[in-house]
N, C-alpha and C. Protein backbone atom coordinates (compact mmCIF):
# COMPACT_ATOMS: atom_id res chain seq x y z
N MET A 1 117.55 286.07 49.68
CA MET A 1 116.21 286.75 48.06
C MET A 1 115.38 285.10 48.35
N LYS A 2 114.47 285.22 47.92
CA LYS A 2 113.02 284.75 48.06
C LYS A 2 113.01 283.96 46.27
N SER A 3 112.06 282.63 45.73
CA SER A 3 112.44 282.18 45.15
C SER A 3 112.20 282.69 43.71
N ASN A 4 112.08 282.76 42.26
CA ASN A 4 111.60 283.45 41.60
C ASN A 4 110.56 283.23 41.33
N HIS A 5 109.01 282.78 42.01
CA HIS A 5 107.87 282.77 41.87
C HIS A 5 106.72 283.74 43.31
N SER A 6 108.00 284.61 43.95
CA SER A 6 108.34 285.44 44.77
C SER A 6 108.57 287.04 44.20
N ILE A 7 109.12 286.69 42.75
CA ILE A 7 109.60 287.85 42.91
C ILE A 7 108.99 288.97 41.81
N ILE A 8 108.95 289.81 41.75
CA ILE A 8 108.31 290.46 41.07
C ILE A 8 109.42 291.97 40.40
N SER A 9 110.21 292.12 39.31
CA SER A 9 110.81 292.71 38.60
C SER A 9 110.28 294.27 38.59
N TRP A 10 110.70 295.16 38.55
CA TRP A 10 110.08 296.33 37.35
C TRP A 10 111.31 297.57 37.71
N THR A 11 111.41 298.24 36.34
CA THR A 11 111.40 298.89 35.69
C THR A 11 111.22 300.74 35.96
N ARG A 12 110.95 301.33 35.57
CA ARG A 12 110.57 302.99 35.55
C ARG A 12 110.66 303.20 33.95
N LEU A 13 110.01 303.02 32.88
CA LEU A 13 110.19 304.01 31.43
C LEU A 13 110.33 305.23 31.76
N ARG A 14 110.47 305.74 31.07
CA ARG A 14 110.64 306.99 30.71
C ARG A 14 110.89 307.40 29.30
N HIS A 15 109.35 307.79 28.76
CA HIS A 15 108.53 308.41 27.30
C HIS A 15 108.66 310.11 27.63
N ASP A 16 109.26 310.57 26.92
CA ASP A 16 108.91 312.54 26.82
C ASP A 16 108.37 313.34 27.99
N ASP A 17 107.32 313.34 28.31
CA ASP A 17 107.34 313.61 29.26
C ASP A 17 106.54 312.54 30.60
N TRP A 18 106.45 311.35 30.34
CA TRP A 18 105.69 310.51 30.87
C TRP A 18 106.63 309.72 31.65
N ASN A 19 106.46 309.27 32.68
CA ASN A 19 107.20 308.01 33.93
C ASN A 19 106.65 307.21 34.36
N ILE A 20 106.77 305.96 33.38
CA ILE A 20 105.75 305.09 33.81
C ILE A 20 106.14 303.78 34.74
N TYR A 21 105.94 303.24 35.79
CA TYR A 21 106.06 301.58 36.21
C TYR A 21 105.31 300.98 35.56
N ILE A 22 106.71 299.84 35.45
CA ILE A 22 106.59 298.25 34.26
C ILE A 22 106.75 297.43 35.83
N ALA A 23 106.41 296.07 35.56
CA ALA A 23 106.42 295.46 36.34
C ALA A 23 106.57 293.84 35.69
N ALA A 24 106.68 293.16 35.47
CA ALA A 24 107.17 291.52 35.44
C ALA A 24 107.05 290.44 36.16
N THR A 25 106.19 289.35 35.66
CA THR A 25 106.79 287.82 37.12
C THR A 25 107.27 287.98 36.41
N PRO A 26 107.93 286.08 36.52
CA PRO A 26 109.25 285.16 35.30
C PRO A 26 108.07 285.00 33.81
N GLN A 27 107.09 285.02 33.92
CA GLN A 27 106.14 284.23 33.01
C GLN A 27 105.60 285.23 32.25
N GLY A 28 105.73 286.88 32.56
CA GLY A 28 105.11 287.62 31.36
C GLY A 28 105.14 289.09 32.18
N LEU A 29 105.41 290.69 31.77
CA LEU A 29 104.79 291.83 32.16
C LEU A 29 103.95 290.83 32.66
N CYS A 30 103.15 292.11 33.49
CA CYS A 30 102.22 291.72 34.68
C CYS A 30 101.49 293.30 35.11
N TYR A 31 101.86 294.28 34.48
CA TYR A 31 101.65 295.41 35.39
C TYR A 31 102.80 296.73 34.18
N ILE A 32 101.12 297.80 33.90
CA ILE A 32 101.85 299.06 33.14
C ILE A 32 101.07 299.93 34.14
N GLY A 33 101.28 300.78 34.94
CA GLY A 33 101.29 302.23 35.59
C GLY A 33 100.75 303.17 34.96
N SER A 34 100.08 304.11 35.33
CA SER A 34 99.82 305.18 34.73
C SER A 34 101.34 306.50 35.21
N PRO A 35 100.79 307.37 33.90
CA PRO A 35 101.89 308.23 33.78
C PRO A 35 102.03 308.56 34.97
N ASP A 36 103.25 309.42 35.60
CA ASP A 36 103.46 310.16 36.34
C ASP A 36 103.35 309.40 38.21
N LYS A 37 102.42 308.56 38.03
CA LYS A 37 102.22 308.04 39.49
C LYS A 37 103.35 307.69 40.10
N PRO A 38 102.92 307.95 41.70
CA PRO A 38 104.17 307.21 42.49
C PRO A 38 104.22 305.85 42.35
N PHE A 39 105.51 305.08 42.92
CA PHE A 39 105.69 303.90 42.90
C PHE A 39 104.35 303.44 43.35
N LYS A 40 104.21 304.18 45.15
CA LYS A 40 103.22 303.66 45.40
C LYS A 40 102.17 302.75 44.67
N GLU A 41 101.25 303.36 43.87
CA GLU A 41 100.92 303.06 43.06
C GLU A 41 100.68 301.86 42.36
N LEU A 42 102.07 301.22 41.94
CA LEU A 42 102.53 299.41 42.09
C LEU A 42 103.11 298.79 43.02
N GLU A 43 103.47 299.33 44.15
CA GLU A 43 103.43 298.52 45.74
C GLU A 43 102.45 298.17 46.26
N GLU A 44 100.79 298.94 45.74
CA GLU A 44 99.79 298.08 46.41
C GLU A 44 99.01 297.50 45.19
N TRP A 45 99.40 297.50 43.97
CA TRP A 45 98.59 297.08 42.88
C TRP A 45 99.29 295.74 43.34
N VAL A 46 100.75 295.07 44.11
CA VAL A 46 101.44 294.13 43.42
C VAL A 46 100.58 293.04 45.64
N ASN A 47 100.48 293.74 46.12
CA ASN A 47 100.42 293.99 47.51
C ASN A 47 98.83 292.98 47.00
N ALA A 48 98.25 294.07 46.79
CA ALA A 48 96.79 293.62 46.25
C ALA A 48 96.51 292.20 45.20
N LYS A 49 97.33 292.12 44.31
CA LYS A 49 96.89 291.11 43.25
C LYS A 49 97.75 290.20 43.74
N PHE A 50 98.98 290.36 44.25
CA PHE A 50 100.11 289.24 44.79
C PHE A 50 101.01 288.98 45.70
N PRO A 51 99.90 289.44 47.06
CA PRO A 51 100.50 288.95 48.16
C PRO A 51 101.56 288.36 48.62
N GLY A 52 102.31 288.87 48.73
CA GLY A 52 103.56 288.00 49.90
C GLY A 52 104.60 287.90 48.39
N CYS A 53 104.66 288.46 47.63
CA CYS A 53 105.82 289.16 46.45
C CYS A 53 106.31 290.12 46.64
N GLU A 54 107.78 290.10 46.80
CA GLU A 54 108.36 291.13 46.53
C GLU A 54 108.68 291.98 45.22
N LEU A 55 109.11 293.38 45.65
CA LEU A 55 108.96 293.45 43.96
C LEU A 55 110.28 294.18 44.00
N PHE A 56 111.36 293.47 43.16
CA PHE A 56 112.83 293.83 42.96
C PHE A 56 112.97 294.71 41.89
N GLN A 57 114.14 295.80 41.86
CA GLN A 57 114.36 296.53 41.01
C GLN A 57 115.26 295.44 39.83
N ASN A 58 115.14 295.86 38.59
CA ASN A 58 115.65 294.99 37.61
C ASN A 58 115.57 295.91 36.18
N ASP A 59 116.08 296.74 35.77
CA ASP A 59 116.09 297.59 34.73
C ASP A 59 116.36 296.77 33.81
N GLU A 60 117.81 295.93 33.51
CA GLU A 60 118.07 295.53 32.77
C GLU A 60 117.66 294.07 32.13
N GLY A 61 116.51 293.17 33.26
CA GLY A 61 115.47 292.17 32.73
C GLY A 61 114.59 292.80 32.22
N MET A 62 114.16 293.76 32.54
CA MET A 62 112.82 294.29 32.11
C MET A 62 113.28 295.26 30.56
N GLN A 63 114.20 295.16 30.17
CA GLN A 63 114.42 295.96 28.87
C GLN A 63 113.91 295.69 27.46
N PRO A 64 113.68 294.09 27.43
CA PRO A 64 112.97 294.16 26.31
C PRO A 64 111.41 294.50 26.28
N TYR A 65 111.20 294.65 27.79
CA TYR A 65 109.31 294.84 27.40
C TYR A 65 109.56 296.80 27.25
N ALA A 66 110.98 297.56 28.01
CA ALA A 66 110.68 298.49 28.33
C ALA A 66 110.75 298.96 26.38
N ALA A 67 111.58 297.62 25.68
CA ALA A 67 112.28 298.03 24.32
C ALA A 67 111.02 298.28 23.42
N GLU A 68 110.63 297.29 23.63
CA GLU A 68 109.11 297.18 22.91
C GLU A 68 107.87 298.49 22.96
N LEU A 69 107.40 298.68 23.95
CA LEU A 69 106.92 300.10 24.93
C LEU A 69 107.71 301.13 23.67
N ALA A 70 108.26 301.40 23.89
CA ALA A 70 109.46 302.99 23.51
C ALA A 70 109.13 302.51 22.21
N ASP A 71 109.06 301.37 21.24
CA ASP A 71 108.70 301.30 20.07
C ASP A 71 107.80 301.66 19.67
N TYR A 72 106.05 301.24 20.41
CA TYR A 72 105.01 301.69 20.18
C TYR A 72 105.51 302.96 20.26
N PHE A 73 105.07 303.73 21.63
CA PHE A 73 105.63 304.93 21.60
C PHE A 73 106.42 306.21 20.23
N GLN A 74 106.26 305.22 19.97
CA GLN A 74 108.03 306.57 18.62
C GLN A 74 106.76 305.70 16.85
N GLY A 75 105.99 305.13 17.67
CA GLY A 75 104.96 304.92 16.17
C GLY A 75 105.54 304.02 15.12
N LYS A 76 106.57 302.62 15.83
CA LYS A 76 107.29 301.66 15.07
C LYS A 76 107.06 300.14 15.47
N ARG A 77 105.50 300.26 16.72
CA ARG A 77 105.08 298.82 16.54
C ARG A 77 103.30 299.05 16.56
N GLU A 78 102.87 298.25 16.00
CA GLU A 78 101.69 298.29 16.41
C GLU A 78 100.97 296.98 17.47
N ARG A 79 101.50 295.75 17.92
CA ARG A 79 101.11 294.99 18.33
C ARG A 79 102.69 294.25 19.31
N PHE A 80 102.43 294.12 20.62
CA PHE A 80 103.53 293.30 21.12
C PHE A 80 104.03 291.83 20.80
N GLU A 81 105.19 291.41 20.98
CA GLU A 81 105.36 290.11 21.29
C GLU A 81 106.60 289.39 22.29
N PHE A 82 105.85 290.18 23.41
CA PHE A 82 106.66 289.53 25.00
C PHE A 82 105.31 288.83 25.27
N ALA A 83 105.66 288.43 26.52
CA ALA A 83 104.55 287.63 27.05
C ALA A 83 104.48 288.34 28.19
N MET A 84 102.72 287.96 28.23
CA MET A 84 102.26 289.09 28.79
C MET A 84 101.72 288.00 29.95
N ASP A 85 101.53 288.27 31.31
CA ASP A 85 101.33 287.63 32.61
C ASP A 85 99.98 288.55 33.07
N TYR A 86 98.72 288.00 32.81
CA TYR A 86 97.86 288.65 33.55
C TYR A 86 96.93 287.86 34.07
N LYS A 87 96.48 287.66 34.92
CA LYS A 87 94.69 287.39 35.75
C LYS A 87 93.60 287.75 36.34
N GLY A 88 92.90 287.37 36.06
CA GLY A 88 91.56 288.49 36.74
C GLY A 88 90.35 287.62 36.83
N THR A 89 89.40 287.85 36.81
CA THR A 89 88.47 286.25 36.63
C THR A 89 87.56 286.10 35.25
N ASP A 90 87.34 285.30 35.57
CA ASP A 90 86.49 284.96 33.57
C ASP A 90 86.31 285.36 32.69
N PHE A 91 85.03 286.42 33.65
CA PHE A 91 84.49 287.51 33.02
C PHE A 91 85.91 288.73 32.73
N GLN A 92 86.33 289.18 33.47
CA GLN A 92 87.57 290.08 33.20
C GLN A 92 89.01 289.49 32.07
N MET A 93 88.76 288.23 32.25
CA MET A 93 89.73 288.16 31.16
C MET A 93 88.87 288.15 29.69
N ALA A 94 87.93 287.18 29.91
CA ALA A 94 87.12 287.43 28.96
C ALA A 94 87.20 289.36 27.98
N VAL A 95 87.11 290.19 28.69
CA VAL A 95 87.48 291.99 28.42
C VAL A 95 88.19 291.55 28.08
N TRP A 96 89.27 291.77 28.80
CA TRP A 96 91.11 292.06 28.14
C TRP A 96 91.03 291.00 26.69
N ASN A 97 90.57 289.88 26.84
CA ASN A 97 90.53 288.89 25.35
C ASN A 97 90.62 289.85 24.55
N ALA A 98 88.90 290.01 24.37
CA ALA A 98 88.12 290.65 23.34
C ALA A 98 89.27 292.35 23.00
N LEU A 99 89.44 293.39 24.52
CA LEU A 99 90.65 294.46 24.10
C LEU A 99 91.11 294.14 23.51
N CYS A 100 92.23 293.08 23.22
CA CYS A 100 93.18 292.40 22.63
C CYS A 100 93.25 292.24 21.05
N GLN A 101 92.15 291.97 20.39
CA GLN A 101 91.17 292.05 19.36
C GLN A 101 90.83 292.98 18.62
N ILE A 102 90.64 294.06 19.27
CA ILE A 102 90.51 295.56 18.67
C ILE A 102 91.78 295.73 17.87
N PRO A 103 91.54 296.15 16.38
CA PRO A 103 92.94 296.69 15.57
C PRO A 103 93.02 297.88 15.95
N TYR A 104 94.96 298.39 15.82
CA TYR A 104 95.23 299.39 16.04
C TYR A 104 94.58 300.46 15.43
N GLY A 105 94.52 301.72 15.76
CA GLY A 105 94.37 302.60 15.14
C GLY A 105 92.67 302.73 15.37
N GLN A 106 91.44 301.66 15.50
CA GLN A 106 90.35 301.38 15.55
C GLN A 106 90.08 301.51 17.53
N THR A 107 88.57 302.02 17.12
CA THR A 107 87.73 302.45 18.37
C THR A 107 86.54 300.96 18.97
N PHE A 108 86.66 300.89 19.74
CA PHE A 108 85.05 300.44 19.81
C PHE A 108 84.52 300.12 20.91
N THR A 109 83.21 300.85 21.11
CA THR A 109 82.63 301.31 22.26
C THR A 109 82.29 300.51 23.42
N TYR A 110 81.77 300.45 24.90
CA TYR A 110 81.74 298.85 25.85
C TYR A 110 80.86 298.70 25.46
N SER A 111 79.92 298.56 24.36
CA SER A 111 78.42 297.88 23.70
C SER A 111 78.92 296.79 22.66
N ASP A 112 79.69 296.94 22.16
CA ASP A 112 80.64 296.57 21.12
C ASP A 112 81.87 295.09 22.24
N ILE A 113 82.33 295.64 22.95
CA ILE A 113 82.96 294.46 24.21
C ILE A 113 81.48 293.44 24.97
N ALA A 114 81.07 293.68 24.79
CA ALA A 114 79.46 293.63 25.89
C ALA A 114 79.26 292.33 24.86
N HIS A 115 79.17 293.16 23.87
CA HIS A 115 78.40 292.15 22.65
C HIS A 115 79.36 290.73 22.54
N GLN A 116 80.53 291.31 21.66
CA GLN A 116 81.61 290.88 20.94
C GLN A 116 81.57 289.08 22.19
N ILE A 117 81.62 289.65 23.46
CA ILE A 117 81.94 288.33 24.76
C ILE A 117 80.11 287.84 24.95
N GLY A 118 80.12 287.81 24.30
CA GLY A 118 78.50 287.71 24.63
C GLY A 118 77.45 287.88 25.49
N LYS A 119 77.79 288.74 26.04
CA LYS A 119 76.65 289.60 27.21
C LYS A 119 76.92 290.85 27.19
N PRO A 120 75.80 291.21 26.06
CA PRO A 120 75.38 292.20 25.46
C PRO A 120 74.84 292.97 26.90
N ALA A 121 73.87 292.28 27.81
CA ALA A 121 73.71 293.64 28.89
C ALA A 121 74.33 294.01 30.12
N ALA A 122 76.18 293.15 29.58
CA ALA A 122 77.08 293.59 31.01
C ALA A 122 78.01 295.04 30.75
N VAL A 123 77.55 296.02 30.10
CA VAL A 123 78.19 296.99 29.64
C VAL A 123 78.82 298.21 31.27
N ARG A 124 77.81 297.66 31.60
CA ARG A 124 78.59 298.56 32.75
C ARG A 124 79.42 297.90 33.62
N ALA A 125 79.35 296.06 33.45
CA ALA A 125 79.97 295.08 33.88
C ALA A 125 81.64 294.90 33.33
N VAL A 126 81.51 295.12 31.81
CA VAL A 126 82.43 295.74 30.83
C VAL A 126 83.54 297.13 31.56
N GLY A 127 82.47 297.58 31.56
CA GLY A 127 83.62 299.15 31.81
C GLY A 127 84.44 298.55 32.95
N ALA A 128 83.42 297.89 34.31
CA ALA A 128 84.26 298.03 35.68
C ALA A 128 85.52 296.67 35.18
N ALA A 129 86.02 296.24 34.16
CA ALA A 129 86.52 295.29 34.09
C ALA A 129 87.71 295.59 33.50
N ILE A 130 87.56 297.31 31.78
CA ILE A 130 88.24 297.19 31.75
C ILE A 130 88.81 298.63 32.81
N GLY A 131 88.52 298.69 34.05
CA GLY A 131 88.74 299.85 34.13
C GLY A 131 90.06 298.93 35.33
N ALA A 132 89.87 297.80 36.12
CA ALA A 132 90.67 296.58 36.47
C ALA A 132 91.81 296.09 35.86
N ASN A 133 91.72 296.53 34.15
CA ASN A 133 93.24 296.09 33.69
C ASN A 133 94.46 296.51 33.45
N PRO A 134 95.11 295.62 34.30
CA PRO A 134 96.50 295.97 34.56
C PRO A 134 97.75 296.60 33.55
N LEU A 135 97.00 296.29 32.58
CA LEU A 135 98.33 296.62 31.43
C LEU A 135 97.77 297.01 30.45
N LEU A 136 97.90 298.41 30.68
CA LEU A 136 97.64 299.68 29.59
C LEU A 136 98.27 299.70 28.66
N ILE A 137 98.40 300.08 27.38
CA ILE A 137 98.94 300.53 26.69
C ILE A 137 98.48 298.64 25.33
N THR A 138 99.54 297.66 26.57
CA THR A 138 99.46 296.52 25.42
C THR A 138 97.84 295.28 25.89
N VAL A 139 97.18 295.70 26.69
CA VAL A 139 95.36 294.99 26.37
C VAL A 139 95.35 296.75 26.13
N PRO A 140 95.21 296.95 24.77
CA PRO A 140 94.47 298.14 24.62
C PRO A 140 92.56 298.64 25.27
N CYS A 141 92.73 299.24 26.38
CA CYS A 141 91.88 299.60 26.81
C CYS A 141 91.53 300.91 26.54
N HIS A 142 92.55 301.87 25.63
CA HIS A 142 92.74 303.21 25.35
C HIS A 142 91.84 303.16 24.05
N ARG A 143 91.59 301.96 23.47
CA ARG A 143 90.81 301.65 22.38
C ARG A 143 89.32 302.10 22.58
N VAL A 144 88.82 301.83 23.60
CA VAL A 144 87.18 301.95 24.23
C VAL A 144 86.40 303.05 24.28
N ILE A 145 85.92 303.59 23.95
CA ILE A 145 85.38 305.00 24.08
C ILE A 145 83.58 304.62 24.44
N GLY A 146 82.53 306.14 24.53
CA GLY A 146 81.84 305.72 24.95
C GLY A 146 80.51 306.03 23.36
N LYS A 147 79.11 305.84 24.05
CA LYS A 147 78.70 305.40 22.72
C LYS A 147 78.61 306.18 21.92
N SER A 148 78.66 306.96 22.62
CA SER A 148 78.52 308.72 22.45
C SER A 148 79.71 309.21 21.51
N GLY A 149 80.75 308.23 21.60
CA GLY A 149 82.12 308.49 20.46
C GLY A 149 82.25 309.43 21.80
N ALA A 150 82.56 309.91 22.58
CA ALA A 150 83.54 310.53 23.91
C ALA A 150 84.57 309.32 24.80
N LEU A 151 85.85 310.40 24.86
CA LEU A 151 86.39 309.75 24.60
C LEU A 151 85.56 309.50 26.97
N THR A 152 85.86 308.25 27.30
CA THR A 152 85.23 308.18 28.70
C THR A 152 87.04 307.42 29.75
N GLY A 153 86.95 307.64 31.16
CA GLY A 153 87.12 307.28 31.77
C GLY A 153 88.45 306.08 31.33
N TYR A 154 90.03 306.12 32.58
CA TYR A 154 91.34 305.50 31.60
C TYR A 154 91.81 306.08 32.96
N ARG A 155 92.35 304.91 33.37
CA ARG A 155 93.21 304.42 34.68
C ARG A 155 94.83 305.35 34.41
N GLY A 156 95.00 305.45 32.70
CA GLY A 156 96.00 306.02 32.92
C GLY A 156 95.79 307.60 32.58
N GLY A 157 94.53 308.05 32.78
CA GLY A 157 93.64 309.55 32.53
C GLY A 157 93.61 310.05 31.01
N LEU A 158 92.55 311.03 31.62
CA LEU A 158 92.12 310.72 29.44
C LEU A 158 93.27 311.72 28.28
N GLU A 159 94.07 312.33 29.50
CA GLU A 159 96.11 313.01 28.46
C GLU A 159 96.40 311.57 27.52
N MET A 160 96.43 311.18 28.18
CA MET A 160 97.04 309.77 28.26
C MET A 160 96.32 308.88 26.66
N LYS A 161 95.12 308.01 27.14
CA LYS A 161 94.34 307.97 26.30
C LYS A 161 93.93 308.87 24.80
N THR A 162 94.07 310.17 25.31
CA THR A 162 93.57 310.93 24.25
C THR A 162 95.33 310.32 22.87
N ARG A 163 96.55 310.96 24.06
CA ARG A 163 98.18 310.81 23.07
C ARG A 163 98.01 309.36 22.28
N LEU A 164 97.62 308.40 23.21
CA LEU A 164 97.33 307.26 22.19
C LEU A 164 96.84 307.35 21.47
N LEU A 165 95.99 307.36 21.62
CA LEU A 165 94.63 306.79 20.29
C LEU A 165 94.99 308.28 19.63
N GLN A 166 95.73 309.32 19.31
CA GLN A 166 95.99 310.12 17.94
C GLN A 166 97.16 309.45 17.69
N LEU A 167 98.49 308.85 18.19
CA LEU A 167 99.73 308.47 18.15
C LEU A 167 99.07 307.24 16.62
N GLU A 168 98.14 306.32 17.04
CA GLU A 168 97.74 304.98 16.59
C GLU A 168 96.57 305.44 14.93
N ARG A 169 95.74 306.77 15.89
CA ARG A 169 95.67 307.13 13.86
C ARG A 169 96.40 307.96 13.27
N MET A 170 97.51 308.75 13.55
CA MET A 170 98.73 308.97 13.10
C MET A 170 99.31 308.43 12.10
N ASN A 171 99.36 307.38 12.85
CA ASN A 171 100.14 306.25 12.35
C ASN A 171 99.49 305.59 11.16
N VAL A 172 98.26 305.51 11.44
CA VAL A 172 97.26 304.34 10.31
C VAL A 172 97.12 305.09 9.15
N SER A 173 97.09 306.70 9.37
CA SER A 173 97.20 307.61 8.22
C SER A 173 98.20 308.18 7.65
N VAL A 174 99.04 307.00 8.09
CA VAL A 174 101.10 307.49 7.57
C VAL A 174 100.76 306.46 6.55
N ARG A 175 100.86 305.32 6.94
CA ARG A 175 100.70 303.80 6.73
C ARG A 175 99.79 303.77 5.44
N GLU A 176 98.81 304.16 5.51
CA GLU A 176 97.76 304.30 4.83
C GLU A 176 97.95 305.40 3.34
N MET A 177 98.58 306.20 3.73
CA MET A 177 98.86 307.16 2.26
C MET A 177 100.52 306.54 1.77
N LYS A 178 101.62 305.65 2.36
CA LYS A 178 102.32 305.54 2.27
C LYS A 178 102.28 303.86 0.59
N GLU A 179 100.79 303.46 1.02
CA GLU A 179 100.42 302.50 0.34
C GLU A 179 99.74 302.97 -1.04
N TYR A 180 99.40 304.13 -0.72
CA TYR A 180 98.56 305.24 -1.90
C TYR A 180 99.64 305.62 -2.40
N ALA A 181 100.64 305.48 -2.38
CA ALA A 181 101.39 306.44 -3.23
C ALA A 181 101.81 306.17 -3.94
């Protein structure tokens, strides 16, 4: 077996009708796959982003990540406490960090994100950086919509994006109703 630095642990998370591969380095969660995509999607991503690393199925070790994601899917969690290990260009990191600032249940446009990172003319580049986000859900790229309000591309698919946004809006509405009751 290789050293810990060259091993990426993975498990398959099942939620409702979704099967999602998730993976982590020793530093934290590094990948959340698209629903119902084959294991090959994870393998290809690891080969591209962590060349020479070995994938190791570790259902028990991945349980803390799976548990927080399950809580999110059940409407019991709005933010994640676990460590995340995502790496990209400086521009991608700026975009991904801006995504993490979008409040639960709200949406921003690509232009909003471009302005937030101080690059208002870089809307298309923001879109490309969002498309390269390895951590669906936890780095909430599903909260970014088109300027017209339309749902736009999402690595997890528009059905997943729609369901995530509906889940968040429903939970915010329920919370607000309880606050005013």
